[in-house]
PDB file of N, CA and C in Angstrom:
ATOM      1  N   MET A   1      14.920  22.643   3.097  1.00  0.00           N
ATOM      2  CA  MET A   1      13.569  21.886   3.572  1.00  0.00           C
ATOM      3  C   MET A   1      12.812  20.903   2.684  1.00  0.00           C
ATOM      4  N   LYS A   2      12.988  21.488   1.395  1.00  0.00           N
ATOM      5  CA  LYS A   2      12.274  20.431   0.659  1.00  0.00           C
ATOM      6  C   LYS A   2      12.275  19.071   0.446  1.00  0.00           C
ATOM      7  N   PHE A   3      14.286  18.998   1.066  1.00  0.00           N
ATOM      8  CA  PHE A   3      14.605  17.390   0.877  1.00  0.00           C
ATOM      9  C   PHE A   3      13.887  17.115   2.069  1.00  0.00           C
ATOM     10  N   LEU A   4      13.872  17.423   3.060  1.00  0.00           N
ATOM     11  CA  LEU A   4      13.178  16.854   4.576  1.00  0.00           C
ATOM     12  C   LEU A   4      11.941  15.998   4.467  1.00  0.00           C
ATOM     13  N   ILE A   5      11.080  17.288   3.593  1.00  0.00           N
ATOM     14  CA  ILE A   5       9.548  17.214   3.655  1.00  0.00           C
ATOM     15  C   ILE A   5       9.037  15.835   2.829  1.00  0.00           C
ATOM     16  N   ILE A   6      10.116  15.824   1.552  1.00  0.00           N
ATOM     17  CA  ILE A   6      10.141  14.465   0.395  1.00  0.00           C
ATOM     18  C   ILE A   6      10.517  13.013   0.969  1.00  0.00           C
ATOM     19  N   ASN A   7      11.602  13.215   1.848  1.00  0.00           N
ATOM     20  CA  ASN A   7      11.805  12.320   2.668  1.00  0.00           C
ATOM     21  C   ASN A   7      11.093  11.880   3.914  1.00  0.00           C
ATOM     22  N   SER A   8      10.787  12.687   4.520  1.00  0.00           N
ATOM     23  CA  SER A   8       9.373  12.404   5.441  1.00  0.00           C
ATOM     24  C   SER A   8       8.780  11.486   5.054  1.00  0.00           C
ATOM     25  N   PHE A   9       7.823  11.935   3.722  1.00  0.00           N
ATOM     26  CA  PHE A   9       7.171  11.699   3.255  1.00  0.00           C
ATOM     27  C   PHE A   9       7.073  10.264   2.541  1.00  0.00           C
ATOM     28  N   ARG A  10       8.144   9.995   2.167  1.00  0.00           N
ATOM     29  CA  ARG A  10       8.639   8.586   1.699  1.00  0.00           C
ATOM     30  C   ARG A  10       9.523   7.493   2.849  1.00  0.00           C
ATOM     31  N   ILE A  11       9.669   8.339   4.097  1.00  0.00           N
ATOM     32  CA  ILE A  11       9.701   7.295   5.241  1.00  0.00           C
ATOM     33  C   ILE A  11       8.307   6.809   5.134  1.00  0.00           C
ATOM     34  N   MET A  12       6.919   7.928   5.568  1.00  0.00           N
ATOM     35  CA  MET A  12       5.990   7.468   6.026  1.00  0.00           C
ATOM     36  C   MET A  12       5.241   6.534   5.053  1.00  0.00           C
ATOM     37  N   VAL A  13       5.454   6.293   3.453  1.00  0.00           N
ATOM     38  CA  VAL A  13       5.043   5.481   2.660  1.00  0.00           C
ATOM     39  C   VAL A  13       5.444   4.579   3.400  1.00  0.00           C
ATOM     40  N   TYR A  14       6.848   4.161   3.388  1.00  0.00           N
ATOM     41  CA  TYR A  14       7.320   3.195   3.618  1.00  0.00           C
ATOM     42  C   TYR A  14       6.846   1.584   4.583  1.00  0.00           C
ATOM     43  N   VAL A  15       6.331   2.810   5.951  1.00  0.00           N
ATOM     44  CA  VAL A  15       5.938   2.344   6.528  1.00  0.00           C
ATOM     45  C   VAL A  15       4.402   2.513   6.538  1.00  0.00           C
ATOM     46  N   ALA A  16       3.936   3.097   6.054  1.00  0.00           N
ATOM     47  CA  ALA A  16       2.584   2.499   5.540  1.00  0.00           C
ATOM     48  C   ALA A  16       1.987   1.039   4.698  1.00  0.00           C
ATOM     49  N   TYR A  17       3.494   0.829   3.865  1.00  0.00           N
ATOM     50  CA  TYR A  17       3.411  -0.042   3.280  1.00  0.00           C
ATOM     51  C   TYR A  17       3.209  -1.161   3.828  1.00  0.00           C
ATOM     52  N   ILE A  18       4.580  -1.364   4.795  1.00  0.00           N
ATOM     53  CA  ILE A  18       4.443  -2.085   5.947  1.00  0.00           C
ATOM     54  C   ILE A  18       3.413  -2.669   6.710  1.00  0.00           C
ATOM     55  N   ALA A  19       2.649  -1.526   7.203  1.00  0.00           N
ATOM     56  CA  ALA A  19       1.449  -1.177   8.316  1.00  0.00           C
ATOM     57  C   ALA A  19       0.500  -2.135   7.296  1.00  0.00           C
ATOM     58  N   ILE A  20       0.167  -1.641   6.387  1.00  0.00           N
ATOM     59  CA  ILE A  20      -1.159  -2.244   5.340  1.00  0.00           C
ATOM     60  C   ILE A  20      -0.735  -4.168   5.093  1.00  0.00           C
ATOM     61  N   ILE A  21       0.163  -4.343   5.180  1.00  0.00           N
ATOM     62  CA  ILE A  21       0.394  -5.553   4.434  1.00  0.00           C
ATOM     63  C   ILE A  21       0.461  -6.657   6.053  1.00  0.00           C
ATOM     64  N   VAL A  22       0.849  -6.135   6.874  1.00  0.00           N
ATOM     65  CA  VAL A  22       0.827  -6.413   8.478  1.00  0.00           C
ATOM     66  C   VAL A  22      -0.744  -6.680   8.647  1.00  0.00           C
ATOM     67  N   GLY A  23      -1.683  -5.450   8.443  1.00  0.00           N
ATOM     68  CA  GLY A  23      -3.054  -5.357   8.189  1.00  0.00           C
ATOM     69  C   GLY A  23      -3.682  -6.712   7.899  1.00  0.00           C
ATOM     70  N   GLY A  24      -3.111  -6.832   6.490  1.00  0.00           N
ATOM     71  CA  GLY A  24      -3.963  -7.873   5.532  1.00  0.00           C
ATOM     72  C   GLY A  24      -3.809  -9.123   6.721  1.00  0.00           C
ATOM     73  N   ILE A  25      -2.764  -9.508   6.776  1.00  0.00           N
ATOM     74  CA  ILE A  25      -1.852 -10.482   7.458  1.00  0.00           C
ATOM     75  C   ILE A  25      -2.709 -10.993   8.621  1.00  0.00           C
ATOM     76  N   ALA A  26      -2.683  -9.811   9.672  1.00  0.00           N
ATOM     77  CA  ALA A  26      -3.673  -9.838  11.020  1.00  0.00           C
ATOM     78  C   ALA A  26      -5.070 -10.045  10.799  1.00  0.00           C
ATOM     79  N   LEU A  27      -5.391  -9.327   9.593  1.00  0.00           N
ATOM     80  CA  LEU A  27      -7.094  -9.758   9.305  1.00  0.00           C
ATOM     81  C   LEU A  27      -7.208 -11.363   9.071  1.00  0.00           C
ATOM     82  N   GLY A  28      -6.168 -11.789   8.094  1.00  0.00           N
ATOM     83  CA  GLY A  28      -6.797 -13.548   7.780  1.00  0.00           C
ATOM     84  C   GLY A  28      -6.127 -14.110   9.228  1.00  0.00           C
ATOM     85  N   LEU A  29      -5.897 -14.062  10.055  1.00  0.00           N
ATOM     86  CA  LEU A  29      -5.070 -14.546  11.219  1.00  0.00           C
ATOM     87  C   LEU A  29      -6.506 -14.565  12.182  1.00  0.00           C
ATOM     88  N   TYR A  30      -7.087 -13.158  12.052  1.00  0.00           N
ATOM     89  CA  TYR A  30      -8.005 -12.797  12.649  1.00  0.00           C
ATOM     90  C   TYR A  30      -9.293 -13.709  12.832  1.00  0.00           C
ATOM     91  N   GLN A  31      -9.712 -14.018  11.407  1.00  0.00           N
ATOM     92  CA  GLN A  31     -11.102 -14.733  10.399  1.00  0.00           C
ATOM     93  C   GLN A  31     -10.948 -15.553  10.377  1.00  0.00           C
ATOM     94  N   LYS A  32     -10.290 -16.744  10.676  1.00  0.00           N
ATOM     95  CA  LYS A  32      -9.981 -18.177  11.562  1.00  0.00           C
ATOM     96  C   LYS A  32     -10.591 -19.118  10.229  1.00  0.00           C
ATOM     97  N   GLY A  33     -10.690 -18.814   9.146  1.00  0.00           N
ATOM     98  CA  GLY A  33     -11.479 -19.510   8.109  1.00  0.00           C
ATOM     99  C   GLY A  33     -12.943 -18.970   7.690  1.00  0.00           C
ATOM    100  N   VAL A  34     -13.475 -18.647   8.546  1.00  0.00           N
ATOM    101  CA  VAL A  34     -14.764 -17.759   8.504  1.00  0.00           C
ATOM    102  C   VAL A  34     -15.051 -17.344   6.850  1.00  0.00           C
ATOM    103  N   PHE A  35     -14.492 -16.572   5.981  1.00  0.00           N
ATOM    104  CA  PHE A  35     -14.520 -15.952   5.014  1.00  0.00           C
ATOM    105  C   PHE A  35     -14.622 -16.957   3.871  1.00  0.00           C
ATOM    106  N   SER A  36     -13.325 -18.011   4.188  1.00  0.00           N
ATOM    107  CA  SER A  36     -13.029 -19.167   3.391  1.00  0.00           C
ATOM    108  C   SER A  36     -14.054 -20.000   3.263  1.00  0.00           C
ATOM    109  N   ASN A  37     -15.320 -20.051   4.243  1.00  0.00           N
ATOM    110  CA  ASN A  37     -15.926 -21.391   4.868  1.00  0.00           C
ATOM    111  C   ASN A  37     -17.088 -20.340   4.455  1.00  0.00           C
ATOM    112  N   GLU A  38     -17.429 -19.481   4.310  1.00  0.00           N
ATOM    113  CA  GLU A  38     -18.720 -19.049   3.757  1.00  0.00           C
ATOM    114  C   GLU A  38     -18.749 -18.533   2.569  1.00  0.00           C
ATOM    115  N   MET A  39     -17.291 -18.237   1.668  1.00  0.00           N
ATOM    116  CA  MET A  39     -17.518 -18.189   0.110  1.00  0.00           C
ATOM    117  C   MET A  39     -16.975 -19.609  -0.516  1.00  0.00           C
ATOM    118  N   PHE A  40     -16.237 -20.163  -0.224  1.00  0.00           N
ATOM    119  CA  PHE A  40     -16.188 -21.201  -0.830  1.00  0.00           C
ATOM    120  C   PHE A  40     -16.311 -22.995  -0.348  1.00  0.00           C
ATOM    121  N   GLY A  41     -16.848 -22.632   0.951  1.00  0.00           N
ATOM    122  CA  GLY A  41     -17.368 -23.680   1.528  1.00  0.00           C
ATOM    123  C   GLY A  41     -16.016 -24.780   1.675  1.00  0.00           C
ATOM    124  N   LEU A  42     -14.831 -24.220   2.168  1.00  0.00           N
ATOM    125  CA  LEU A  42     -13.556 -24.611   2.844  1.00  0.00           C
ATOM    126  C   LEU A  42     -13.930 -24.805   4.498  1.00  0.00           C
ATOM    127  N   THR A  43     -13.572 -26.252   4.848  1.00  0.00           N
ATOM    128  CA  THR A  43     -13.341 -26.250   6.177  1.00  0.00           C
ATOM    129  C   THR A  43     -12.006 -26.655   6.791  1.00  0.00           C
ATOM    130  N   GLY A  44     -11.613 -26.526   7.858  1.00  0.00           N
ATOM    131  CA  GLY A  44     -11.088 -27.119   8.871  1.00  0.00           C
ATOM    132  C   GLY A  44      -9.599 -26.216   8.718  1.00  0.00           C
ATOM    133  N   GLY A  45      -8.337 -26.772   8.659  1.00  0.00           N
ATOM    134  CA  GLY A  45      -7.179 -26.022   8.159  1.00  0.00           C
ATOM    135  C   GLY A  45      -6.796 -25.135   6.898  1.00  0.00           C
ATOM    136  N   LEU A  46      -7.177 -26.283   6.063  1.00  0.00           N
ATOM    137  CA  LEU A  46      -7.598 -25.408   4.684  1.00  0.00           C
ATOM    138  C   LEU A  46      -7.972 -24.126   4.388  1.00  0.00           C
ATOM    139  N   SER A  47      -9.374 -24.017   5.127  1.00  0.00           N
ATOM    140  CA  SER A  47      -9.994 -22.810   5.175  1.00  0.00           C
ATOM    141  C   SER A  47      -9.257 -21.375   5.786  1.00  0.00           C
ATOM    142  N   GLN A  48      -8.415 -21.656   7.427  1.00  0.00           N
ATOM    143  CA  GLN A  48      -7.552 -20.775   7.469  1.00  0.00           C
ATOM    144  C   GLN A  48      -6.076 -20.265   6.777  1.00  0.00           C
ATOM    145  N   VAL A  49      -5.821 -21.541   5.870  1.00  0.00           N
ATOM    146  CA  VAL A  49      -4.802 -21.472   5.210  1.00  0.00           C
ATOM    147  C   VAL A  49      -5.045 -20.520   4.002  1.00  0.00           C
ATOM    148  N   ALA A  50      -6.722 -20.692   3.292  1.00  0.00           N
ATOM    149  CA  ALA A  50      -6.993 -19.632   2.300  1.00  0.00           C
ATOM    150  C   ALA A  50      -7.070 -18.362   2.969  1.00  0.00           C
ATOM    151  N   ASP A  51      -7.562 -17.977   4.153  1.00  0.00           N
ATOM    152  CA  ASP A  51      -8.330 -16.690   4.446  1.00  0.00           C
ATOM    153  C   ASP A  51      -6.249 -16.003   4.799  1.00  0.00           C
ATOM    154  N   PHE A  52      -5.502 -16.762   5.145  1.00  0.00           N
ATOM    155  CA  PHE A  52      -4.455 -15.752   5.713  1.00  0.00           C
ATOM    156  C   PHE A  52      -3.927 -15.819   3.625  1.00  0.00           C
ATOM    157  N   VAL A  53      -3.750 -16.677   2.818  1.00  0.00           N
ATOM    158  CA  VAL A  53      -3.592 -16.163   1.878  1.00  0.00           C
ATOM    159  C   VAL A  53      -4.393 -14.643   0.991  1.00  0.00           C
ATOM    160  N   ILE A  54      -5.150 -15.436   1.165  1.00  0.00           N
ATOM    161  CA  ILE A  54      -6.617 -14.075   0.621  1.00  0.00           C
ATOM    162  C   ILE A  54      -5.775 -12.813   1.009  1.00  0.00           C
ATOM    163  N   PHE A  55      -6.172 -12.889   2.427  1.00  0.00           N
ATOM    164  CA  PHE A  55      -5.845 -11.603   3.207  1.00  0.00           C
ATOM    165  C   PHE A  55      -4.828 -10.823   3.293  1.00  0.00           C
ATOM    166  N   THR A  56      -3.715 -11.890   3.139  1.00  0.00           N
ATOM    167  CA  THR A  56      -2.077 -11.195   2.675  1.00  0.00           C
ATOM    168  C   THR A  56      -2.253 -10.706   1.303  1.00  0.00           C
ATOM    169  N   ALA A  57      -2.410 -11.190   0.234  1.00  0.00           N
ATOM    170  CA  ALA A  57      -2.655 -10.764  -1.091  1.00  0.00           C
ATOM    171  C   ALA A  57      -3.037  -9.681  -1.326  1.00  0.00           C
ATOM    172  N   GLY A  58      -4.575  -9.643  -0.597  1.00  0.00           N
ATOM    173  CA  GLY A  58      -5.284  -8.382  -0.436  1.00  0.00           C
ATOM    174  C   GLY A  58      -4.203  -7.443   0.118  1.00  0.00           C
ATOM    175  N   GLY A  59      -3.516  -7.459   0.964  1.00  0.00           N
ATOM    176  CA  GLY A  59      -2.981  -6.555   1.772  1.00  0.00           C
ATOM    177  C   GLY A  59      -1.945  -6.082   1.075  1.00  0.00           C
ATOM    178  N   TRP A  60      -1.343  -6.810  -0.103  1.00  0.00           N
ATOM    179  CA  TRP A  60      -0.030  -6.416  -0.458  1.00  0.00           C
ATOM    180  C   TRP A  60      -1.108  -5.571  -1.895  1.00  0.00           C
ATOM    181  N   ILE A  61      -1.861  -6.201  -2.169  1.00  0.00           N
ATOM    182  CA  ILE A  61      -2.475  -5.179  -3.728  1.00  0.00           C
ATOM    183  C   ILE A  61      -2.551  -4.089  -2.904  1.00  0.00           C
ATOM    184  N   ALA A  62      -3.578  -3.710  -1.717  1.00  0.00           N
ATOM    185  CA  ALA A  62      -3.762  -2.448  -1.533  1.00  0.00           C
ATOM    186  C   ALA A  62      -2.867  -1.475  -0.961  1.00  0.00           C
ATOM    187  N   ALA A  63      -1.856  -2.291  -0.988  1.00  0.00           N
ATOM    188  CA  ALA A  63      -0.505  -1.218  -0.154  1.00  0.00           C
ATOM    189  C   ALA A  63      -0.038  -0.924  -1.224  1.00  0.00           C
ATOM    190  N   SER A  64       0.220  -1.734  -2.236  1.00  0.00           N
ATOM    191  CA  SER A  64       0.744  -1.775  -3.488  1.00  0.00           C
ATOM    192  C   SER A  64      -0.105   0.005  -4.172  1.00  0.00           C
ATOM    193  N   LEU A  65      -1.310  -0.736  -4.472  1.00  0.00           N
ATOM    194  CA  LEU A  65      -2.298   0.535  -4.988  1.00  0.00           C
ATOM    195  C   LEU A  65      -2.101   2.232  -4.534  1.00  0.00           C
ATOM    196  N   VAL A  66      -2.368   2.166  -2.913  1.00  0.00           N
ATOM    197  CA  VAL A  66      -2.751   3.010  -2.299  1.00  0.00           C
ATOM    198  C   VAL A  66      -1.334   3.637  -2.386  1.00  0.00           C
ATOM    199  N   CYS A  67       0.378   3.162  -1.493  1.00  0.00           N
ATOM    200  CA  CYS A  67       1.543   3.810  -1.815  1.00  0.00           C
ATOM    201  C   CYS A  67       2.329   3.951  -3.116  1.00  0.00           C
ATOM    202  N   GLY A  68       1.831   3.484  -3.928  1.00  0.00           N
ATOM    203  CA  GLY A  68       1.939   3.478  -5.253  1.00  0.00           C
ATOM    204  C   GLY A  68       1.443   4.909  -5.887  1.00  0.00           C
ATOM    205  N   LEU A  69       0.365   5.127  -5.655  1.00  0.00           N
ATOM    206  CA  LEU A  69      -0.520   6.039  -6.207  1.00  0.00           C
ATOM    207  C   LEU A  69       0.382   7.588  -5.815  1.00  0.00           C
ATOM    208  N   ILE A  70       0.748   7.577  -3.841  1.00  0.00           N
ATOM    209  CA  ILE A  70       1.209   8.269  -2.872  1.00  0.00           C
ATOM    210  C   ILE A  70       2.483   8.740  -3.894  1.00  0.00           C
ATOM    211  N   VAL A  71       3.230   8.046  -4.290  1.00  0.00           N
ATOM    212  CA  VAL A  71       4.371   8.344  -4.361  1.00  0.00           C
ATOM    213  C   VAL A  71       4.620   8.957  -6.449  1.00  0.00           C
ATOM    214  N   THR A  72       3.993   7.912  -6.545  1.00  0.00           N
ATOM    215  CA  THR A  72       3.713   8.449  -7.713  1.00  0.00           C
ATOM    216  C   THR A  72       3.496  10.192  -8.052  1.00  0.00           C
ATOM    217  N   LEU A  73       2.140  10.186  -7.700  1.00  0.00           N
ATOM    218  CA  LEU A  73       1.794  11.885  -7.198  1.00  0.00           C
ATOM    219  C   LEU A  73       3.013  12.657  -6.250  1.00  0.00           C
ATOM    220  N   MET A  74       3.663  12.356  -5.522  1.00  0.00           N
ATOM    221  CA  MET A  74       4.823  13.430  -5.424  1.00  0.00           C
ATOM    222  C   MET A  74       5.915  13.288  -5.933  1.00  0.00           C
ATOM    223  N   ASP A  75       5.936  12.261  -6.970  1.00  0.00           N
ATOM    224  CA  ASP A  75       7.091  12.513  -8.091  1.00  0.00           C
ATOM    225  C   ASP A  75       6.405  13.219  -9.027  1.00  0.00           C
ATOM    226  N   ILE A  76       5.412  13.351  -9.881  1.00  0.00           N
ATOM    227  CA  ILE A  76       4.685  13.960 -10.756  1.00  0.00           C
ATOM    228  C   ILE A  76       5.009  15.451  -9.717  1.00  0.00           C
ATOM    229  N   ARG A  77       4.633  16.028  -9.245  1.00  0.00           N
ATOM    230  CA  ARG A  77       4.474  17.378  -8.050  1.00  0.00           C
ATOM    231  C   ARG A  77       6.028  17.939  -7.881  1.00  0.00           C
ATOM    232  N   ASP A  78       6.700  16.973  -7.879  1.00  0.00           N
ATOM    233  CA  ASP A  78       8.524  17.690  -7.408  1.00  0.00           C
ATOM    234  C   ASP A  78       8.863  17.483  -9.289  1.00  0.00           C
ATOM    235  N   ASP A  79       8.534  16.767  -9.940  1.00  0.00           N
ATOM    236  CA  ASP A  79       8.582  17.004 -11.512  1.00  0.00           C
ATOM    237  C   ASP A  79       8.469  18.270 -12.285  1.00  0.00           C
ATOM    238  N   ILE A  80       7.251  18.708 -11.711  1.00  0.00           N
ATOM    239  CA  ILE A  80       6.415  20.149 -12.202  1.00  0.00           C
ATOM    240  C   ILE A  80       7.030  21.225 -11.815  1.00  0.00           C
ATOM    241  N   ASN A  81       7.406  20.648  -9.944  1.00  0.00           N
ATOM    242  CA  ASN A  81       7.976  22.228  -9.319  1.00  0.00           C
ATOM    243  C   ASN A  81       9.511  22.209 -10.014  1.00  0.00           C
ATOM    244  N   ASP A  82      10.042  21.110 -10.622  1.00  0.00           N
ATOM    245  CA  ASP A  82      11.725  21.840 -10.362  1.00  0.00           C
ATOM    246  C   ASP A  82      11.640  22.261 -12.343  1.00  0.00           C
ATOM    247  N   ARG A  83      10.511  22.045 -13.113  1.00  0.00           N
ATOM    248  CA  ARG A  83       9.972  22.534 -14.326  1.00  0.00           C
ATOM    249  C   ARG A  83       9.510  24.197 -14.466  1.00  0.00           C
ATOM    250  N   LEU A  84       8.906  24.112 -13.788  1.00  0.00           N
ATOM    251  CA  LEU A  84       8.495  25.745 -13.820  1.00  0.00           C
ATOM    252  C   LEU A  84       9.424  26.948 -13.802  1.00  0.00           C
ATOM    253  N   PRO A  85      10.548  26.528 -12.802  1.00  0.00           N
ATOM    254  CA  PRO A  85      11.398  28.049 -13.421  1.00  0.00           C
ATOM    255  C   PRO A  85      11.894  28.050 -14.820  1.00  0.00           C
ATOM    256  N   ASP A  86      12.076  27.122 -15.333  1.00  0.00           N
ATOM    257  CA  ASP A  86      12.313  26.998 -16.772  1.00  0.00           C
ATOM    258  C   ASP A  86      11.005  27.384 -17.574  1.00  0.00           C
ATOM    259  N   ALA A  87      10.170  27.445 -17.225  1.00  0.00           N
ATOM    260  CA  ALA A  87       8.957  27.976 -18.244  1.00  0.00           C
ATOM    261  C   ALA A  87       8.811  29.587 -17.792  1.00  0.00           C
ATOM    262  N   ARG A  88       9.141  29.900 -16.640  1.00  0.00           N
ATOM    263  CA  ARG A  88       9.035  31.244 -16.602  1.00  0.00           C
ATOM    264  C   ARG A  88      10.678  32.136 -17.196  1.00  0.00           C
ATOM    265  N   ARG A  89      11.521  31.589 -17.614  1.00  0.00           N
ATOM    266  CA  ARG A  89      12.439  31.885 -18.065  1.00  0.00           C
ATOM    267  C   ARG A  89      12.416  33.057 -19.600  1.00  0.00           C
ATOM    268  N   ASP A  90      12.382  33.614 -19.807  1.00  0.00           N
ATOM    269  CA  ASP A  90      12.623  34.111 -21.538  1.00  0.00           C
ATOM    270  C   ASP A  90      13.310  33.927 -22.182  1.00  0.00           C
ATOM    271  N   ASP A  91      14.020  32.924 -23.040  1.00  0.00           N
ATOM    272  CA  ASP A  91      15.296  32.752 -23.464  1.00  0.00           C
ATOM    273  C   ASP A  91      15.310  33.323 -25.035  1.00  0.00           C
TER     274      ASP A  91
END
């Protein structure tokens, strides 16, 4: 049962990682250069490319932080649970 739960969470994290990056890409396409125009004064196709790059990079960073934190916490919890029986033993 533990194996099923941990692997389900891992698959969910992989799907969430891709979904967050795709969300960043979609937001970059949706902006159509408005963000870069207001922030940096870029116009035309250059602002659209800049928006795409900025939001894609932002999605990748956000996905790495969020999903990396979830995986790290799961590994810490799993490691603690593996060590608990050793702590109870009275050798």
